[in-house]
Amino acid sequence: MKTNYFRAGAGAIIYNDEGKILVFKRAAHPIGVWQLQQGGNDIGEKPEETLWRELVEETGLVKDEFTEVIEYPKWTIYEYSDEIRLDKNNPEPYRLGQCHKWWFLKLKPDTEIDLAKATDEEFSDWRWTTFDELIDESHELKKPVYEELRDYFNENIK
């Protein structure tokens, strides 16, 4: 018998000296889905280990390219809609949604962003933007998480 679950993972809010955040375009979505970098924990992996592994895999960025690493103090969670979970093409119908541990990472000003250095082809493009622009463009299920992260960023980091 299968058990319903939430997938645990880690995510990065990469920001620069101007307070802009780095967002990435999903390669598998031709209509242009932009999001923060995030990925799932491997079995036995600690969230911070996931953070650094997924950054290299998805963006090609490494720990030495950041001047600040600030852990968000809470986990975030979003639940999939029935439309997503019950879709006949969904490979994981028992996954209820995702929960993430997040880190705010300040990118060194001279760092080159080159997605060709990534070991996976998760993203096809990147750009600097604001949280408000990202939230406006995001899927409804992610908006509350992005709003929570924006509020923390504006109050504690920016």
N, C-alpha and C. Protein backbone atom coordinates (compact mmCIF):
# COMPACT_ATOMS: atom_id res chain seq x y z
N MET A 1 0.84 -1.19 0.00
CA MET A 1 0.00 0.00 0.00
C MET A 1 0.88 1.25 0.00
N LYS A 2 0.61 2.15 -0.89
CA LYS A 2 1.36 3.41 -1.00
C LYS A 2 0.88 4.41 0.05
N THR A 3 1.81 5.23 0.53
CA THR A 3 1.51 6.24 1.52
C THR A 3 1.67 7.62 0.90
N ASN A 4 0.74 8.51 1.19
CA ASN A 4 0.86 9.89 0.73
C ASN A 4 1.99 10.58 1.49
N TYR A 5 2.66 11.51 0.82
CA TYR A 5 3.80 12.17 1.45
C TYR A 5 4.04 13.54 0.82
N PHE A 6 4.82 14.35 1.52
CA PHE A 6 5.35 15.61 0.99
C PHE A 6 6.83 15.39 0.71
N ARG A 7 7.29 15.83 -0.43
CA ARG A 7 8.70 15.71 -0.79
C ARG A 7 9.48 16.81 -0.09
N ALA A 8 10.54 16.43 0.63
CA ALA A 8 11.40 17.39 1.31
C ALA A 8 12.52 17.83 0.39
N GLY A 9 12.91 19.09 0.52
CA GLY A 9 13.98 19.60 -0.31
C GLY A 9 14.59 20.86 0.25
N ALA A 10 15.45 21.47 -0.55
CA ALA A 10 16.13 22.71 -0.17
C ALA A 10 16.06 23.67 -1.34
N GLY A 11 16.10 24.96 -1.01
CA GLY A 11 16.03 25.97 -2.05
C GLY A 11 16.95 27.14 -1.75
N ALA A 12 17.25 27.90 -2.82
CA ALA A 12 18.14 29.05 -2.70
C ALA A 12 17.48 30.30 -3.25
N ILE A 13 17.59 31.37 -2.48
CA ILE A 13 17.24 32.69 -2.96
C ILE A 13 18.58 33.39 -3.17
N ILE A 14 19.00 33.45 -4.41
CA ILE A 14 20.29 34.06 -4.75
C ILE A 14 20.03 35.54 -5.03
N TYR A 15 20.78 36.40 -4.35
CA TYR A 15 20.55 37.83 -4.52
C TYR A 15 21.86 38.57 -4.74
N ASN A 16 21.75 39.82 -5.21
CA ASN A 16 22.94 40.62 -5.49
C ASN A 16 22.95 41.89 -4.65
N ASP A 17 23.96 42.73 -4.85
CA ASP A 17 24.11 43.96 -4.08
C ASP A 17 22.94 44.92 -4.25
N GLU A 18 22.24 44.83 -5.38
CA GLU A 18 21.10 45.73 -5.64
C GLU A 18 19.79 45.20 -5.03
N GLY A 19 19.83 44.03 -4.39
CA GLY A 19 18.63 43.46 -3.80
C GLY A 19 17.75 42.72 -4.80
N LYS A 20 18.28 42.48 -6.00
CA LYS A 20 17.55 41.68 -7.00
C LYS A 20 17.78 40.21 -6.71
N ILE A 21 16.85 39.38 -7.13
CA ILE A 21 16.97 37.93 -6.95
C ILE A 21 17.12 37.25 -8.31
N LEU A 22 17.80 36.12 -8.28
CA LEU A 22 18.07 35.36 -9.49
C LEU A 22 16.99 34.31 -9.66
N VAL A 23 16.32 34.33 -10.80
CA VAL A 23 15.30 33.33 -11.09
C VAL A 23 15.71 32.57 -12.35
N PHE A 24 15.15 31.38 -12.47
CA PHE A 24 15.54 30.47 -13.54
C PHE A 24 14.31 29.99 -14.31
N LYS A 25 14.49 29.82 -15.61
CA LYS A 25 13.42 29.33 -16.48
C LYS A 25 13.54 27.82 -16.61
N ARG A 26 12.46 27.14 -16.30
CA ARG A 26 12.44 25.68 -16.38
C ARG A 26 12.56 25.22 -17.83
N ALA A 27 13.50 24.34 -18.09
CA ALA A 27 13.73 23.84 -19.44
C ALA A 27 12.57 22.99 -19.95
N ALA A 28 11.90 22.27 -19.06
CA ALA A 28 10.84 21.34 -19.45
C ALA A 28 9.50 22.03 -19.72
N HIS A 29 9.43 23.34 -19.51
CA HIS A 29 8.17 24.06 -19.70
C HIS A 29 8.33 25.10 -20.80
N PRO A 30 7.88 24.80 -22.00
CA PRO A 30 8.09 25.71 -23.14
C PRO A 30 7.39 27.05 -23.00
N ILE A 31 6.38 27.16 -22.13
CA ILE A 31 5.66 28.43 -22.00
C ILE A 31 6.41 29.42 -21.11
N GLY A 32 7.48 29.00 -20.49
CA GLY A 32 8.28 29.94 -19.72
C GLY A 32 7.94 30.03 -18.25
N VAL A 33 8.15 28.97 -17.51
CA VAL A 33 7.93 28.97 -16.07
C VAL A 33 9.22 29.41 -15.39
N TRP A 34 9.15 30.51 -14.64
CA TRP A 34 10.30 31.05 -13.91
C TRP A 34 10.13 30.75 -12.43
N GLN A 35 11.24 30.40 -11.77
CA GLN A 35 11.15 30.04 -10.35
C GLN A 35 12.49 30.23 -9.67
N LEU A 36 12.47 30.13 -8.33
CA LEU A 36 13.70 30.08 -7.56
C LEU A 36 14.29 28.68 -7.71
N GLN A 37 15.58 28.56 -7.48
CA GLN A 37 16.24 27.26 -7.55
C GLN A 37 15.83 26.43 -6.33
N GLN A 38 15.46 25.19 -6.55
CA GLN A 38 15.10 24.28 -5.47
C GLN A 38 15.27 22.85 -5.94
N GLY A 39 15.44 21.93 -4.99
CA GLY A 39 15.58 20.53 -5.36
C GLY A 39 15.30 19.62 -4.18
N GLY A 40 15.08 18.35 -4.47
CA GLY A 40 14.70 17.39 -3.45
C GLY A 40 15.87 16.71 -2.77
N ASN A 41 15.66 16.40 -1.49
CA ASN A 41 16.66 15.67 -0.71
C ASN A 41 16.80 14.25 -1.24
N ASP A 42 18.04 13.78 -1.32
CA ASP A 42 18.29 12.36 -1.53
C ASP A 42 18.16 11.66 -0.18
N ILE A 43 17.92 10.38 -0.18
CA ILE A 43 17.79 9.62 1.06
C ILE A 43 19.04 9.78 1.90
N GLY A 44 18.86 10.15 3.17
CA GLY A 44 19.96 10.31 4.11
C GLY A 44 20.69 11.63 4.01
N GLU A 45 20.29 12.47 3.11
CA GLU A 45 20.97 13.74 2.89
C GLU A 45 20.38 14.83 3.78
N LYS A 46 21.24 15.65 4.37
CA LYS A 46 20.79 16.79 5.17
C LYS A 46 20.40 17.92 4.23
N PRO A 47 19.46 18.78 4.63
CA PRO A 47 19.01 19.86 3.74
C PRO A 47 20.13 20.73 3.20
N GLU A 48 21.12 21.09 4.03
CA GLU A 48 22.19 21.94 3.52
C GLU A 48 23.05 21.20 2.49
N GLU A 49 23.20 19.91 2.64
CA GLU A 49 23.91 19.12 1.62
C GLU A 49 23.12 19.15 0.30
N THR A 50 21.80 19.06 0.42
CA THR A 50 20.94 19.14 -0.76
C THR A 50 21.11 20.48 -1.45
N LEU A 51 21.13 21.55 -0.66
CA LEU A 51 21.28 22.90 -1.21
C LEU A 51 22.49 22.99 -2.14
N TRP A 52 23.65 22.61 -1.64
CA TRP A 52 24.88 22.77 -2.43
C TRP A 52 24.94 21.79 -3.60
N ARG A 53 24.47 20.57 -3.41
CA ARG A 53 24.45 19.60 -4.52
C ARG A 53 23.52 20.09 -5.64
N GLU A 54 22.32 20.50 -5.26
CA GLU A 54 21.34 20.94 -6.26
C GLU A 54 21.78 22.22 -6.98
N LEU A 55 22.44 23.12 -6.27
CA LEU A 55 22.94 24.34 -6.93
C LEU A 55 23.91 23.99 -8.06
N VAL A 56 24.84 23.11 -7.77
CA VAL A 56 25.79 22.70 -8.81
C VAL A 56 25.06 22.00 -9.95
N GLU A 57 24.19 21.05 -9.60
CA GLU A 57 23.48 20.29 -10.63
C GLU A 57 22.64 21.18 -11.54
N GLU A 58 21.92 22.13 -10.95
CA GLU A 58 20.95 22.91 -11.71
C GLU A 58 21.47 24.22 -12.26
N THR A 59 22.47 24.84 -11.59
CA THR A 59 22.92 26.17 -12.00
C THR A 59 24.40 26.24 -12.32
N GLY A 60 25.18 25.29 -11.85
CA GLY A 60 26.62 25.33 -12.01
C GLY A 60 27.33 26.21 -10.99
N LEU A 61 26.57 26.86 -10.11
CA LEU A 61 27.16 27.71 -9.08
C LEU A 61 27.66 26.87 -7.91
N VAL A 62 28.77 27.32 -7.29
CA VAL A 62 29.36 26.59 -6.16
C VAL A 62 29.48 27.51 -4.95
N LYS A 63 29.68 26.91 -3.80
CA LYS A 63 29.69 27.61 -2.51
C LYS A 63 30.64 28.80 -2.48
N ASP A 64 31.81 28.68 -3.10
CA ASP A 64 32.81 29.75 -3.09
C ASP A 64 32.35 31.02 -3.81
N GLU A 65 31.26 30.94 -4.55
CA GLU A 65 30.80 32.10 -5.32
C GLU A 65 29.82 32.99 -4.55
N PHE A 66 29.68 32.71 -3.26
CA PHE A 66 28.74 33.48 -2.42
C PHE A 66 29.48 34.12 -1.25
N THR A 67 29.07 35.35 -0.90
CA THR A 67 29.69 36.05 0.23
C THR A 67 28.89 35.91 1.51
N GLU A 68 27.61 35.61 1.39
CA GLU A 68 26.76 35.41 2.57
C GLU A 68 25.87 34.20 2.35
N VAL A 69 25.65 33.46 3.44
CA VAL A 69 24.76 32.30 3.44
C VAL A 69 23.89 32.44 4.68
N ILE A 70 22.61 32.76 4.48
CA ILE A 70 21.71 32.99 5.60
C ILE A 70 20.57 31.98 5.51
N GLU A 71 20.44 31.17 6.54
CA GLU A 71 19.39 30.15 6.58
C GLU A 71 18.06 30.76 6.99
N TYR A 72 17.02 30.49 6.23
CA TYR A 72 15.67 30.91 6.61
C TYR A 72 15.26 30.03 7.79
N PRO A 73 14.72 30.61 8.87
CA PRO A 73 14.52 29.86 10.11
C PRO A 73 13.40 28.82 10.10
N LYS A 74 12.57 28.80 9.06
CA LYS A 74 11.44 27.86 9.04
C LYS A 74 11.45 27.04 7.76
N TRP A 75 10.71 25.95 7.78
CA TRP A 75 10.42 25.19 6.57
C TRP A 75 9.19 25.82 5.92
N THR A 76 9.12 25.75 4.60
CA THR A 76 7.92 26.17 3.89
C THR A 76 7.27 24.93 3.28
N ILE A 77 5.99 25.07 2.99
CA ILE A 77 5.27 23.93 2.43
C ILE A 77 4.23 24.43 1.43
N TYR A 78 4.06 23.67 0.37
CA TYR A 78 2.92 23.91 -0.50
C TYR A 78 2.32 22.57 -0.90
N GLU A 79 1.02 22.58 -1.04
CA GLU A 79 0.28 21.37 -1.36
C GLU A 79 -0.19 21.44 -2.81
N TYR A 80 -0.04 20.33 -3.51
CA TYR A 80 -0.51 20.25 -4.88
C TYR A 80 -2.03 20.27 -4.92
N SER A 81 -2.56 20.84 -5.99
CA SER A 81 -4.01 20.81 -6.20
C SER A 81 -4.41 19.39 -6.62
N ASP A 82 -5.69 19.09 -6.51
CA ASP A 82 -6.20 17.80 -6.98
C ASP A 82 -5.93 17.63 -8.48
N GLU A 83 -5.98 18.73 -9.22
CA GLU A 83 -5.73 18.67 -10.65
C GLU A 83 -4.33 18.12 -10.93
N ILE A 84 -3.35 18.56 -10.16
CA ILE A 84 -1.98 18.07 -10.34
C ILE A 84 -1.85 16.63 -9.85
N ARG A 85 -2.34 16.37 -8.63
CA ARG A 85 -2.17 15.03 -8.05
C ARG A 85 -2.92 13.96 -8.83
N LEU A 86 -4.09 14.28 -9.34
CA LEU A 86 -4.93 13.27 -9.99
C LEU A 86 -4.71 13.18 -11.51
N ASP A 87 -3.80 14.00 -12.03
CA ASP A 87 -3.49 13.96 -13.46
C ASP A 87 -2.97 12.57 -13.82
N LYS A 88 -3.55 11.96 -14.84
CA LYS A 88 -3.18 10.59 -15.23
C LYS A 88 -1.71 10.48 -15.64
N ASN A 89 -1.07 11.60 -16.01
CA ASN A 89 0.34 11.60 -16.40
C ASN A 89 1.28 11.88 -15.23
N ASN A 90 0.74 12.08 -14.05
CA ASN A 90 1.56 12.37 -12.87
C ASN A 90 2.32 11.10 -12.47
N PRO A 91 3.65 11.15 -12.49
CA PRO A 91 4.43 9.96 -12.16
C PRO A 91 4.44 9.64 -10.65
N GLU A 92 4.03 10.60 -9.82
CA GLU A 92 4.04 10.39 -8.37
C GLU A 92 2.72 10.84 -7.76
N PRO A 93 1.66 10.10 -8.00
CA PRO A 93 0.33 10.53 -7.52
C PRO A 93 0.19 10.53 -5.99
N TYR A 94 1.12 9.91 -5.27
CA TYR A 94 1.04 9.88 -3.81
C TYR A 94 1.74 11.08 -3.16
N ARG A 95 2.44 11.88 -3.97
CA ARG A 95 3.08 13.07 -3.45
C ARG A 95 2.03 14.17 -3.30
N LEU A 96 1.86 14.65 -2.07
CA LEU A 96 0.86 15.67 -1.77
C LEU A 96 1.35 17.08 -2.07
N GLY A 97 2.65 17.26 -2.09
CA GLY A 97 3.23 18.58 -2.31
C GLY A 97 4.69 18.55 -1.93
N GLN A 98 5.23 19.72 -1.58
CA GLN A 98 6.64 19.81 -1.25
C GLN A 98 6.86 20.71 -0.03
N CYS A 99 7.89 20.37 0.74
CA CYS A 99 8.33 21.23 1.84
C CYS A 99 9.82 21.49 1.63
N HIS A 100 10.24 22.72 1.94
CA HIS A 100 11.62 23.12 1.66
C HIS A 100 12.24 23.89 2.82
N LYS A 101 13.52 23.68 2.97
CA LYS A 101 14.37 24.52 3.80
C LYS A 101 15.06 25.46 2.82
N TRP A 102 15.11 26.76 3.14
CA TRP A 102 15.64 27.77 2.21
C TRP A 102 16.86 28.47 2.78
N TRP A 103 17.72 28.94 1.87
CA TRP A 103 18.88 29.75 2.21
C TRP A 103 18.91 30.97 1.30
N PHE A 104 19.26 32.12 1.88
CA PHE A 104 19.51 33.34 1.13
C PHE A 104 21.01 33.39 0.86
N LEU A 105 21.40 33.45 -0.41
CA LEU A 105 22.80 33.40 -0.81
C LEU A 105 23.15 34.66 -1.58
N LYS A 106 24.09 35.43 -1.06
CA LYS A 106 24.53 36.64 -1.76
C LYS A 106 25.66 36.29 -2.71
N LEU A 107 25.40 36.51 -4.00
CA LEU A 107 26.36 36.17 -5.04
C LEU A 107 27.46 37.22 -5.11
N LYS A 108 28.69 36.76 -5.24
CA LYS A 108 29.81 37.69 -5.42
C LYS A 108 29.59 38.48 -6.70
N PRO A 109 29.89 39.78 -6.67
CA PRO A 109 29.59 40.64 -7.83
C PRO A 109 30.25 40.21 -9.14
N ASP A 110 31.42 39.60 -9.09
CA ASP A 110 32.12 39.25 -10.32
C ASP A 110 31.83 37.84 -10.82
N THR A 111 30.85 37.18 -10.23
CA THR A 111 30.55 35.80 -10.59
C THR A 111 29.84 35.72 -11.95
N GLU A 112 30.33 34.85 -12.79
CA GLU A 112 29.71 34.59 -14.08
C GLU A 112 28.66 33.50 -13.91
N ILE A 113 27.46 33.75 -14.38
CA ILE A 113 26.40 32.75 -14.34
C ILE A 113 26.39 32.05 -15.69
N ASP A 114 26.69 30.76 -15.66
CA ASP A 114 26.81 29.99 -16.90
C ASP A 114 26.11 28.65 -16.69
N LEU A 115 24.90 28.54 -17.19
CA LEU A 115 24.13 27.31 -17.01
C LEU A 115 24.76 26.11 -17.71
N ALA A 116 25.70 26.33 -18.60
CA ALA A 116 26.41 25.22 -19.24
C ALA A 116 27.28 24.47 -18.23
N LYS A 117 27.59 25.10 -17.10
CA LYS A 117 28.37 24.44 -16.04
C LYS A 117 27.50 23.50 -15.20
N ALA A 118 26.19 23.60 -15.31
CA ALA A 118 25.28 22.74 -14.55
C ALA A 118 25.40 21.30 -15.06
N THR A 119 25.27 20.35 -14.15
CA THR A 119 25.37 18.95 -14.53
C THR A 119 24.03 18.37 -14.99
N ASP A 120 22.93 19.06 -14.70
CA ASP A 120 21.60 18.68 -15.17
C ASP A 120 21.09 19.79 -16.10
N GLU A 121 20.09 19.48 -16.88
CA GLU A 121 19.51 20.48 -17.78
C GLU A 121 18.15 20.92 -17.25
N GLU A 122 18.12 21.32 -16.00
CA GLU A 122 16.89 21.76 -15.34
C GLU A 122 16.40 23.10 -15.87
N PHE A 123 17.35 24.02 -16.09
CA PHE A 123 17.00 25.38 -16.48
C PHE A 123 17.59 25.73 -17.84
N SER A 124 16.84 26.55 -18.59
CA SER A 124 17.30 26.98 -19.91
C SER A 124 17.73 28.45 -19.94
N ASP A 125 17.40 29.21 -18.90
CA ASP A 125 17.75 30.63 -18.89
C ASP A 125 17.68 31.14 -17.45
N TRP A 126 18.19 32.35 -17.24
CA TRP A 126 18.17 32.99 -15.94
C TRP A 126 18.01 34.49 -16.13
N ARG A 127 17.59 35.17 -15.06
CA ARG A 127 17.51 36.63 -15.10
C ARG A 127 17.42 37.17 -13.67
N TRP A 128 17.80 38.42 -13.51
CA TRP A 128 17.63 39.12 -12.24
C TRP A 128 16.27 39.77 -12.24
N THR A 129 15.58 39.73 -11.10
CA THR A 129 14.25 40.32 -10.99
C THR A 129 13.99 40.71 -9.54
N THR A 130 12.78 41.09 -9.24
CA THR A 130 12.37 41.38 -7.87
C THR A 130 11.43 40.27 -7.40
N PHE A 131 11.28 40.18 -6.09
CA PHE A 131 10.33 39.22 -5.56
C PHE A 131 8.92 39.49 -6.08
N ASP A 132 8.53 40.77 -6.11
CA ASP A 132 7.17 41.09 -6.55
C ASP A 132 6.92 40.65 -8.00
N GLU A 133 7.91 40.83 -8.87
CA GLU A 133 7.75 40.38 -10.26
C GLU A 133 7.65 38.86 -10.31
N LEU A 134 8.48 38.17 -9.53
CA LEU A 134 8.42 36.71 -9.51
C LEU A 134 7.06 36.23 -9.01
N ILE A 135 6.57 36.83 -7.95
CA ILE A 135 5.28 36.44 -7.38
C ILE A 135 4.16 36.65 -8.39
N ASP A 136 4.20 37.77 -9.10
CA ASP A 136 3.17 38.04 -10.12
C ASP A 136 3.14 36.96 -11.19
N GLU A 137 4.31 36.38 -11.52
CA GLU A 137 4.43 35.40 -12.61
C GLU A 137 4.29 33.95 -12.14
N SER A 138 4.25 33.73 -10.84
CA SER A 138 4.32 32.37 -10.28
C SER A 138 2.99 31.65 -10.31
N HIS A 139 3.08 30.33 -10.29
CA HIS A 139 1.92 29.47 -10.14
C HIS A 139 1.30 29.73 -8.76
N GLU A 140 -0.01 29.66 -8.68
CA GLU A 140 -0.73 29.98 -7.45
C GLU A 140 -0.23 29.19 -6.24
N LEU A 141 0.17 27.94 -6.43
CA LEU A 141 0.57 27.13 -5.28
C LEU A 141 1.88 27.61 -4.66
N LYS A 142 2.74 28.28 -5.43
CA LYS A 142 4.01 28.76 -4.90
C LYS A 142 3.95 30.18 -4.35
N LYS A 143 2.93 30.93 -4.70
CA LYS A 143 2.86 32.34 -4.30
C LYS A 143 2.97 32.54 -2.79
N PRO A 144 2.25 31.79 -1.96
CA PRO A 144 2.37 32.02 -0.51
C PRO A 144 3.80 31.79 0.02
N VAL A 145 4.49 30.81 -0.53
CA VAL A 145 5.88 30.54 -0.12
C VAL A 145 6.76 31.70 -0.55
N TYR A 146 6.63 32.14 -1.79
CA TYR A 146 7.45 33.24 -2.28
C TYR A 146 7.15 34.54 -1.52
N GLU A 147 5.89 34.76 -1.15
CA GLU A 147 5.54 35.95 -0.37
C GLU A 147 6.18 35.89 1.02
N GLU A 148 6.17 34.73 1.64
CA GLU A 148 6.80 34.55 2.95
C GLU A 148 8.31 34.82 2.87
N LEU A 149 8.95 34.30 1.84
CA LEU A 149 10.39 34.52 1.66
C LEU A 149 10.69 35.98 1.36
N ARG A 150 9.85 36.62 0.56
CA ARG A 150 10.02 38.05 0.26
C ARG A 150 9.95 38.90 1.53
N ASP A 151 8.96 38.61 2.37
CA ASP A 151 8.79 39.39 3.60
C ASP A 151 10.01 39.25 4.51
N TYR A 152 10.53 38.05 4.63
CA TYR A 152 11.72 37.83 5.45
C TYR A 152 12.91 38.57 4.85
N PHE A 153 13.08 38.48 3.54
CA PHE A 153 14.18 39.15 2.84
C PHE A 153 14.12 40.66 3.07
N ASN A 154 12.93 41.25 2.88
CA ASN A 154 12.79 42.69 3.04
C ASN A 154 13.02 43.16 4.49
N GLU A 155 12.64 42.34 5.44
CA GLU A 155 12.77 42.72 6.86
C GLU A 155 14.14 42.41 7.44
N ASN A 156 14.85 41.42 6.93
CA ASN A 156 16.06 40.94 7.59
C ASN A 156 17.35 40.98 6.77
N ILE A 157 17.24 41.11 5.46
CA ILE A 157 18.44 40.97 4.64
C ILE A 157 18.71 42.19 3.77
N LYS A 158 17.74 42.61 3.03
CA LYS A 158 17.88 43.69 2.04
C LYS A 158 18.28 45.00 2.68
